[in-house]
């Protein structure tokens, strides 16, 4: 997923609690859903970054040589400028792009 194309803000934004709790009816449940999605996003971003930086890994044990790779620096800057995982997850939740279910409510039907 290309997180740069997301509409999520880069900085923290104050949200109305009632807007977040509209879908679930409970603010704590909404926050738990957002937190779990944020964890998924952060793992995915970390895997992407690790995969891209693995290409630049040097396997010699020489401490004297330090290589400055321009591409590696650009990749790191790209990931630093991305919105935080919690902001991405909150934006996805507000837009209705997060699938969630409550097993306790499913059993009552």
N, C-alpha and C. Protein backbone atom coordinates (compact mmCIF):
# COMPACT_ATOMS: atom_id res chain seq x y z
N UNK A 1 0.85 -1.18 0.00
CA UNK A 1 0.00 0.00 0.00
C UNK A 1 0.88 1.24 0.00
N UNK A 2 0.50 2.22 -0.77
CA UNK A 2 1.27 3.46 -0.82
C UNK A 2 0.69 4.43 0.21
N UNK A 3 1.38 4.56 1.31
CA UNK A 3 0.89 5.39 2.40
C UNK A 3 1.05 6.87 2.13
N UNK A 4 1.90 7.22 1.18
CA UNK A 4 2.10 8.63 0.85
C UNK A 4 0.84 9.22 0.20
N UNK A 5 0.05 8.37 -0.48
CA UNK A 5 -1.16 8.84 -1.14
C UNK A 5 -2.35 8.94 -0.18
N UNK A 6 -2.14 8.56 1.06
CA UNK A 6 -3.20 8.62 2.05
C UNK A 6 -3.55 10.07 2.37
N UNK A 7 -4.78 10.31 2.75
CA UNK A 7 -5.23 11.65 3.11
C UNK A 7 -4.98 11.95 4.59
N UNK A 8 -4.28 11.07 5.25
CA UNK A 8 -4.03 11.24 6.68
C UNK A 8 -3.10 12.43 6.91
N UNK A 9 -3.37 13.22 7.94
CA UNK A 9 -2.50 14.37 8.23
C UNK A 9 -1.15 13.91 8.77
N UNK A 10 -0.13 14.71 8.54
CA UNK A 10 1.20 14.38 9.03
C UNK A 10 1.34 14.75 10.51
N UNK A 11 0.63 15.77 10.93
CA UNK A 11 0.66 16.22 12.32
C UNK A 11 -0.58 15.74 13.06
N UNK A 12 -0.53 15.82 14.37
CA UNK A 12 -1.65 15.40 15.20
C UNK A 12 -2.83 16.35 15.00
N UNK A 13 -4.02 15.77 14.92
CA UNK A 13 -5.24 16.54 14.71
C UNK A 13 -6.21 16.23 15.84
N UNK A 14 -6.85 17.24 16.38
CA UNK A 14 -7.85 17.03 17.41
C UNK A 14 -9.12 16.50 16.76
N UNK A 15 -9.64 15.41 17.30
CA UNK A 15 -10.84 14.78 16.73
C UNK A 15 -11.99 14.86 17.73
N UNK A 16 -13.20 14.87 17.22
CA UNK A 16 -14.38 14.84 18.06
C UNK A 16 -14.64 13.39 18.48
N UNK A 17 -14.71 13.16 19.76
CA UNK A 17 -14.89 11.80 20.28
C UNK A 17 -16.20 11.19 19.79
N UNK A 18 -17.22 11.99 19.67
CA UNK A 18 -18.52 11.47 19.25
C UNK A 18 -18.47 10.98 17.79
N UNK A 19 -17.65 11.61 16.96
CA UNK A 19 -17.51 11.15 15.57
C UNK A 19 -16.83 9.78 15.52
N UNK A 20 -15.84 9.58 16.40
CA UNK A 20 -15.12 8.30 16.41
C UNK A 20 -15.98 7.17 16.96
N UNK A 21 -16.86 7.49 17.88
CA UNK A 21 -17.67 6.44 18.51
C UNK A 21 -18.98 6.17 17.77
N UNK A 22 -19.22 6.87 16.68
CA UNK A 22 -20.48 6.71 15.96
C UNK A 22 -20.68 5.29 15.43
N UNK A 23 -19.67 4.71 14.80
CA UNK A 23 -19.82 3.40 14.18
C UNK A 23 -20.00 2.27 15.19
N UNK A 24 -19.24 2.33 16.28
CA UNK A 24 -19.26 1.24 17.25
C UNK A 24 -20.20 1.51 18.42
N UNK A 25 -20.47 2.76 18.70
CA UNK A 25 -21.31 3.10 19.85
C UNK A 25 -20.52 3.18 21.14
N UNK A 26 -19.21 2.96 21.07
CA UNK A 26 -18.38 2.95 22.26
C UNK A 26 -17.00 3.50 21.88
N UNK A 27 -16.57 4.56 22.53
CA UNK A 27 -15.30 5.20 22.19
C UNK A 27 -14.12 4.26 22.47
N UNK A 28 -14.21 3.47 23.52
CA UNK A 28 -13.11 2.57 23.86
C UNK A 28 -12.96 1.46 22.83
N UNK A 29 -14.07 0.98 22.32
CA UNK A 29 -14.03 -0.03 21.27
C UNK A 29 -13.43 0.55 19.99
N UNK A 30 -13.80 1.79 19.68
CA UNK A 30 -13.25 2.45 18.49
C UNK A 30 -11.75 2.64 18.62
N UNK A 31 -11.30 3.06 19.79
CA UNK A 31 -9.86 3.26 20.02
C UNK A 31 -9.11 1.94 19.94
N UNK A 32 -9.72 0.86 20.45
CA UNK A 32 -9.08 -0.46 20.37
C UNK A 32 -8.94 -0.91 18.91
N UNK A 33 -9.96 -0.66 18.11
CA UNK A 33 -9.91 -1.02 16.69
C UNK A 33 -8.83 -0.22 15.98
N UNK A 34 -8.76 1.07 16.26
CA UNK A 34 -7.76 1.94 15.65
C UNK A 34 -6.36 1.50 16.07
N UNK A 35 -6.20 1.15 17.35
CA UNK A 35 -4.88 0.73 17.84
C UNK A 35 -4.42 -0.57 17.17
N UNK A 36 -5.33 -1.52 17.00
CA UNK A 36 -4.95 -2.77 16.34
C UNK A 36 -4.59 -2.54 14.89
N UNK A 37 -5.32 -1.67 14.22
CA UNK A 37 -5.01 -1.36 12.82
C UNK A 37 -3.68 -0.61 12.74
N UNK A 38 -3.40 0.27 13.68
CA UNK A 38 -2.13 1.00 13.70
C UNK A 38 -0.97 0.04 13.87
N UNK A 39 -1.13 -0.99 14.70
CA UNK A 39 -0.08 -2.00 14.85
C UNK A 39 0.15 -2.74 13.55
N UNK A 40 -0.92 -3.09 12.83
CA UNK A 40 -0.78 -3.76 11.54
C UNK A 40 -0.05 -2.89 10.54
N UNK A 41 -0.40 -1.61 10.50
CA UNK A 41 0.24 -0.68 9.57
C UNK A 41 1.72 -0.52 9.90
N UNK A 42 2.05 -0.37 11.18
CA UNK A 42 3.45 -0.17 11.55
C UNK A 42 4.30 -1.40 11.22
N UNK A 43 3.75 -2.59 11.39
CA UNK A 43 4.48 -3.80 11.02
C UNK A 43 4.70 -3.85 9.51
N UNK A 44 3.68 -3.49 8.76
CA UNK A 44 3.79 -3.49 7.30
C UNK A 44 4.82 -2.47 6.82
N UNK A 45 4.82 -1.28 7.40
CA UNK A 45 5.79 -0.25 7.02
C UNK A 45 7.20 -0.69 7.39
N UNK A 46 7.35 -1.29 8.56
CA UNK A 46 8.67 -1.75 8.99
C UNK A 46 9.20 -2.84 8.06
N UNK A 47 8.34 -3.76 7.63
CA UNK A 47 8.76 -4.80 6.70
C UNK A 47 9.17 -4.21 5.36
N UNK A 48 8.40 -3.24 4.87
CA UNK A 48 8.76 -2.58 3.61
C UNK A 48 10.11 -1.89 3.71
N UNK A 49 10.32 -1.16 4.80
CA UNK A 49 11.57 -0.45 4.99
C UNK A 49 12.74 -1.42 5.12
N UNK A 50 12.56 -2.48 5.88
CA UNK A 50 13.63 -3.46 6.05
C UNK A 50 13.99 -4.13 4.73
N UNK A 51 12.96 -4.42 3.92
CA UNK A 51 13.20 -5.05 2.63
C UNK A 51 14.00 -4.12 1.70
N UNK A 52 13.66 -2.83 1.71
CA UNK A 52 14.37 -1.87 0.86
C UNK A 52 15.79 -1.62 1.36
N UNK A 53 15.98 -1.56 2.67
CA UNK A 53 17.31 -1.30 3.21
C UNK A 53 18.21 -2.52 3.17
N UNK A 54 17.63 -3.72 3.06
CA UNK A 54 18.42 -4.94 2.99
C UNK A 54 19.28 -4.97 1.72
N UNK A 55 18.84 -4.28 0.70
CA UNK A 55 19.60 -4.21 -0.55
C UNK A 55 20.94 -3.50 -0.35
N UNK A 56 21.00 -2.62 0.63
CA UNK A 56 22.20 -1.82 0.86
C UNK A 56 23.10 -2.38 1.96
N UNK A 57 22.73 -3.51 2.52
CA UNK A 57 23.48 -4.08 3.64
C UNK A 57 24.86 -4.53 3.16
N UNK A 58 25.86 -4.17 3.93
CA UNK A 58 27.21 -4.64 3.64
C UNK A 58 27.57 -5.69 4.68
N UNK A 59 28.18 -6.75 4.22
CA UNK A 59 28.43 -7.89 5.11
C UNK A 59 29.88 -8.00 5.55
N UNK A 60 30.66 -6.96 5.37
CA UNK A 60 32.03 -7.00 5.88
C UNK A 60 32.05 -6.37 7.27
N UNK A 61 32.96 -6.84 8.08
CA UNK A 61 33.01 -6.43 9.48
C UNK A 61 33.98 -5.28 9.73
N UNK A 62 34.29 -4.53 8.73
CA UNK A 62 35.24 -3.44 8.89
C UNK A 62 34.54 -2.22 9.49
N UNK A 63 35.00 -1.83 10.66
CA UNK A 63 34.45 -0.66 11.31
C UNK A 63 35.04 0.63 10.75
N UNK A 64 36.16 0.51 10.07
CA UNK A 64 36.84 1.69 9.56
C UNK A 64 36.12 2.29 8.36
N UNK A 65 35.48 1.46 7.59
CA UNK A 65 34.82 1.94 6.38
C UNK A 65 33.35 2.20 6.65
N UNK A 66 32.95 3.42 6.42
CA UNK A 66 31.56 3.79 6.55
C UNK A 66 31.12 4.33 5.19
N UNK A 67 30.12 3.67 4.64
CA UNK A 67 29.65 4.07 3.32
C UNK A 67 28.41 4.94 3.46
N UNK A 68 28.40 6.02 2.75
CA UNK A 68 27.22 6.89 2.72
C UNK A 68 26.55 6.69 1.38
N UNK A 69 25.41 6.06 1.41
CA UNK A 69 24.69 5.76 0.19
C UNK A 69 23.53 6.74 0.05
N UNK A 70 23.53 7.50 -1.03
CA UNK A 70 22.52 8.52 -1.26
C UNK A 70 21.11 7.92 -1.35
N UNK A 71 20.97 6.79 -2.03
CA UNK A 71 19.67 6.15 -2.18
C UNK A 71 19.11 5.70 -0.83
N UNK A 72 20.00 5.17 0.00
CA UNK A 72 19.58 4.72 1.33
C UNK A 72 19.08 5.90 2.17
N UNK A 73 19.74 7.03 2.05
CA UNK A 73 19.33 8.22 2.79
C UNK A 73 17.97 8.70 2.29
N UNK A 74 17.76 8.68 1.00
CA UNK A 74 16.48 9.11 0.43
C UNK A 74 15.34 8.20 0.87
N UNK A 75 15.59 6.90 0.92
CA UNK A 75 14.57 5.95 1.37
C UNK A 75 14.22 6.22 2.84
N UNK A 76 15.24 6.45 3.65
CA UNK A 76 15.01 6.73 5.07
C UNK A 76 14.21 8.02 5.25
N UNK A 77 14.53 9.04 4.48
CA UNK A 77 13.80 10.31 4.58
C UNK A 77 12.34 10.14 4.15
N UNK A 78 12.11 9.33 3.13
CA UNK A 78 10.75 9.07 2.67
C UNK A 78 9.92 8.48 3.80
N UNK A 79 10.47 7.49 4.49
CA UNK A 79 9.73 6.84 5.57
C UNK A 79 9.59 7.74 6.80
N UNK A 80 10.53 8.65 7.01
CA UNK A 80 10.42 9.59 8.13
C UNK A 80 9.30 10.59 7.90
N UNK A 81 9.05 10.94 6.65
CA UNK A 81 8.04 11.95 6.33
C UNK A 81 6.62 11.37 6.28
N UNK A 82 6.49 10.07 6.32
CA UNK A 82 5.16 9.46 6.29
C UNK A 82 4.40 9.79 7.57
N UNK A 83 3.07 9.84 7.49
CA UNK A 83 2.28 10.02 8.72
C UNK A 83 2.48 8.82 9.64
N UNK A 84 2.33 9.04 10.92
CA UNK A 84 2.46 7.96 11.89
C UNK A 84 1.35 6.93 11.67
N UNK A 85 1.62 5.71 12.09
CA UNK A 85 0.68 4.62 11.88
C UNK A 85 -0.66 4.89 12.56
N UNK A 86 -0.64 5.53 13.72
CA UNK A 86 -1.90 5.82 14.42
C UNK A 86 -2.74 6.82 13.65
N UNK A 87 -2.10 7.79 12.99
CA UNK A 87 -2.84 8.76 12.19
C UNK A 87 -3.42 8.11 10.94
N UNK A 88 -2.65 7.21 10.33
CA UNK A 88 -3.15 6.48 9.17
C UNK A 88 -4.35 5.61 9.54
N UNK A 89 -4.23 4.92 10.68
CA UNK A 89 -5.32 4.04 11.13
C UNK A 89 -6.57 4.84 11.47
N UNK A 90 -6.40 5.99 12.10
CA UNK A 90 -7.54 6.83 12.44
C UNK A 90 -8.24 7.32 11.18
N UNK A 91 -7.46 7.72 10.19
CA UNK A 91 -8.04 8.19 8.93
C UNK A 91 -8.80 7.06 8.23
N UNK A 92 -8.23 5.87 8.23
CA UNK A 92 -8.91 4.72 7.62
C UNK A 92 -10.22 4.42 8.35
N UNK A 93 -10.20 4.52 9.68
CA UNK A 93 -11.41 4.24 10.47
C UNK A 93 -12.49 5.27 10.17
N UNK A 94 -12.12 6.53 10.08
CA UNK A 94 -13.09 7.59 9.81
C UNK A 94 -13.69 7.42 8.41
N UNK A 95 -12.86 7.01 7.45
CA UNK A 95 -13.34 6.83 6.09
C UNK A 95 -14.13 5.54 5.92
N UNK A 96 -14.12 4.67 6.93
CA UNK A 96 -14.85 3.41 6.87
C UNK A 96 -14.12 2.33 6.11
N UNK A 97 -12.80 2.41 6.04
CA UNK A 97 -12.00 1.44 5.30
C UNK A 97 -11.43 0.33 6.18
N UNK A 98 -11.85 0.27 7.44
CA UNK A 98 -11.35 -0.75 8.36
C UNK A 98 -12.46 -1.76 8.62
N UNK A 99 -12.15 -3.03 8.38
CA UNK A 99 -13.12 -4.08 8.67
C UNK A 99 -12.90 -4.56 10.09
N UNK A 100 -13.95 -4.63 10.86
CA UNK A 100 -13.87 -5.15 12.23
C UNK A 100 -15.17 -5.87 12.55
N UNK A 101 -15.09 -6.77 13.50
CA UNK A 101 -16.30 -7.47 13.96
C UNK A 101 -16.15 -7.77 15.43
N UNK A 102 -17.26 -7.95 16.09
CA UNK A 102 -17.29 -8.26 17.51
C UNK A 102 -17.84 -9.67 17.67
N UNK A 103 -17.00 -10.64 18.01
CA UNK A 103 -17.47 -12.02 18.13
C UNK A 103 -18.57 -12.20 19.17
N UNK A 104 -18.56 -11.40 20.23
CA UNK A 104 -19.60 -11.54 21.25
C UNK A 104 -20.98 -11.12 20.69
N UNK A 105 -20.99 -10.16 19.81
CA UNK A 105 -22.26 -9.73 19.20
C UNK A 105 -22.70 -10.72 18.13
N UNK A 106 -21.74 -11.37 17.47
CA UNK A 106 -22.07 -12.37 16.45
C UNK A 106 -22.75 -13.60 17.06
N UNK A 107 -22.35 -13.98 18.27
CA UNK A 107 -22.93 -15.15 18.94
C UNK A 107 -24.35 -14.91 19.43
N UNK A 108 -24.72 -13.66 19.64
CA UNK A 108 -26.05 -13.35 20.17
C UNK A 108 -27.13 -13.47 19.11
N UNK A 109 -26.77 -13.42 17.83
CA UNK A 109 -27.75 -13.48 16.75
C UNK A 109 -28.27 -14.83 16.55
